[in-house]
Amino acid sequence: MHSRRKSALLWGLVGAMAFLAVLQGYTLARGPLLSITRAVLVATVVGGMTALVAYGLEHRIAEWTAKRAEER
């Protein structure tokens, strides 16, 4: 697996886990917002979108950072 794809998948996992952590905190504070099935579905969508955005932007951010470092 290419490192760029692996990185994007890991960022997707981070996004999904972050969503689930925030949802769990809300549930503890206020009560259930979503059922478990819907929470997993939304977390999957959030993780997928995070992975797609990471895959599309990561190399651009790396190039921008490298150019900025050269200018200094």
Foldseek 3Di string as FASTA:
>chain_A
DDPLLVVLLVQLVVQLVVQVVVQVVCCVVPRHPDDPVVSNVVSNVRSVVSSVVSSVCVVVVVVVVVVVVVVD
